Amino acid sequence: MPPRFLLFQRDDCHLCDLALEALAAARAPDFGSVFIDGDEALEARYGTRVPVFRDAATGRELDWPFHPASLAAFLATP
């Protein structure tokens, strides 16, 4: 079963590293990582927005910058 939550990110991305720290601090549930590098469709959609945390079940997305409190609120919203 694919993960409900996804983090869209790039290789060697300082902001993505910060996003991972925020997700850990928020005690986010398990999530998948999607690296957009080299994927034209993902580059077009997320290129200037990464990192982006997505709820695959609802389609909601949380754009950077986010922090543990905003992640907790995002995760608590059905």
Protein backbone atom coordinates (compact mmCIF):
# COMPACT_ATOMS: atom_id res chain seq x y z
CA MET A 1 0.00 0.00 0.00
CA PRO A 2 1.49 3.38 -0.97
CA PRO A 3 2.06 5.91 1.81
CA ARG A 4 -0.70 8.43 2.49
CA PHE A 5 1.75 11.30 2.90
CA LEU A 6 4.44 12.34 0.44
CA LEU A 7 7.28 14.82 0.59
CA PHE A 8 8.18 16.24 -2.81
CA GLN A 9 11.80 17.30 -2.75
CA ARG A 10 15.09 17.59 -4.65
CA ASP A 11 18.50 16.06 -4.19
CA ASP A 12 20.98 18.30 -2.34
CA CYS A 13 18.23 20.70 -1.19
CA HIS A 14 18.92 22.60 2.03
CA LEU A 15 15.24 23.53 2.43
CA CYS A 16 14.30 19.89 1.98
CA ASP A 17 16.68 18.98 4.80
CA LEU A 18 14.95 21.57 6.99
CA ALA A 19 11.57 20.14 6.01
CA LEU A 20 12.71 16.68 7.11
CA GLU A 21 13.76 18.13 10.47
CA ALA A 22 10.34 19.80 10.85
CA LEU A 23 8.56 16.55 9.96
CA ALA A 24 10.60 14.70 12.59
CA ALA A 25 9.89 17.37 15.21
CA ALA A 26 6.15 17.19 14.40
CA ARG A 27 6.32 13.39 14.70
CA ALA A 28 4.73 13.05 11.29
CA PRO A 29 3.59 9.55 10.38
CA ASP A 30 5.54 7.53 7.85
CA PHE A 31 5.70 9.26 4.50
CA GLY A 32 7.19 8.66 1.10
CA SER A 33 9.82 10.83 -0.54
CA VAL A 34 9.37 11.84 -4.16
CA PHE A 35 12.42 13.37 -5.81
CA ILE A 36 11.31 15.64 -8.63
CA ASP A 37 14.73 15.91 -10.29
CA GLY A 38 14.58 14.78 -13.90
CA ASP A 39 10.79 14.31 -14.05
CA GLU A 40 9.40 16.95 -16.40
CA ALA A 41 5.83 16.77 -15.08
CA LEU A 42 6.91 17.00 -11.44
CA GLU A 43 9.42 19.77 -12.26
CA ALA A 44 6.62 21.76 -13.89
CA ARG A 45 4.30 21.28 -10.93
CA TYR A 46 6.69 21.53 -7.99
CA GLY A 47 9.91 23.05 -9.36
CA THR A 48 9.75 26.37 -7.51
CA ARG A 49 7.66 25.08 -4.59
CA VAL A 50 9.72 22.26 -3.08
CA PRO A 51 9.65 21.05 -0.47
CA VAL A 52 5.92 20.26 -0.53
CA PHE A 53 4.17 17.90 1.90
CA ARG A 54 1.13 16.23 0.31
CA ASP A 55 -1.77 14.22 1.70
CA ALA A 56 -2.38 11.75 -1.13
CA ALA A 57 -5.77 10.78 0.31
CA THR A 58 -7.21 14.30 0.09
CA GLY A 59 -4.90 16.03 -2.37
CA ARG A 60 -4.11 18.79 0.13
CA GLU A 61 -0.61 20.22 -0.03
CA LEU A 62 1.47 22.20 2.43
CA ASP A 63 4.10 24.36 0.75
CA TRP A 64 7.35 25.43 2.34
CA PRO A 65 7.95 27.14 4.68
CA PHE A 66 6.29 24.96 7.27
CA HIS A 67 7.19 24.18 10.86
CA PRO A 68 6.13 21.59 13.44
CA ALA A 69 3.00 23.53 14.51
CA SER A 70 1.74 24.05 10.95
CA LEU A 71 2.49 20.40 10.16
CA ALA A 72 0.55 19.28 13.24
CA ALA A 73 -2.44 21.37 12.13
CA PHE A 74 -2.17 19.98 8.59
CA LEU A 75 -2.02 16.41 9.88
CA ALA A 76 -4.98 16.96 12.22
CA THR A 77 -7.26 18.17 9.42
CA PRO A 78 -9.17 15.31 7.81
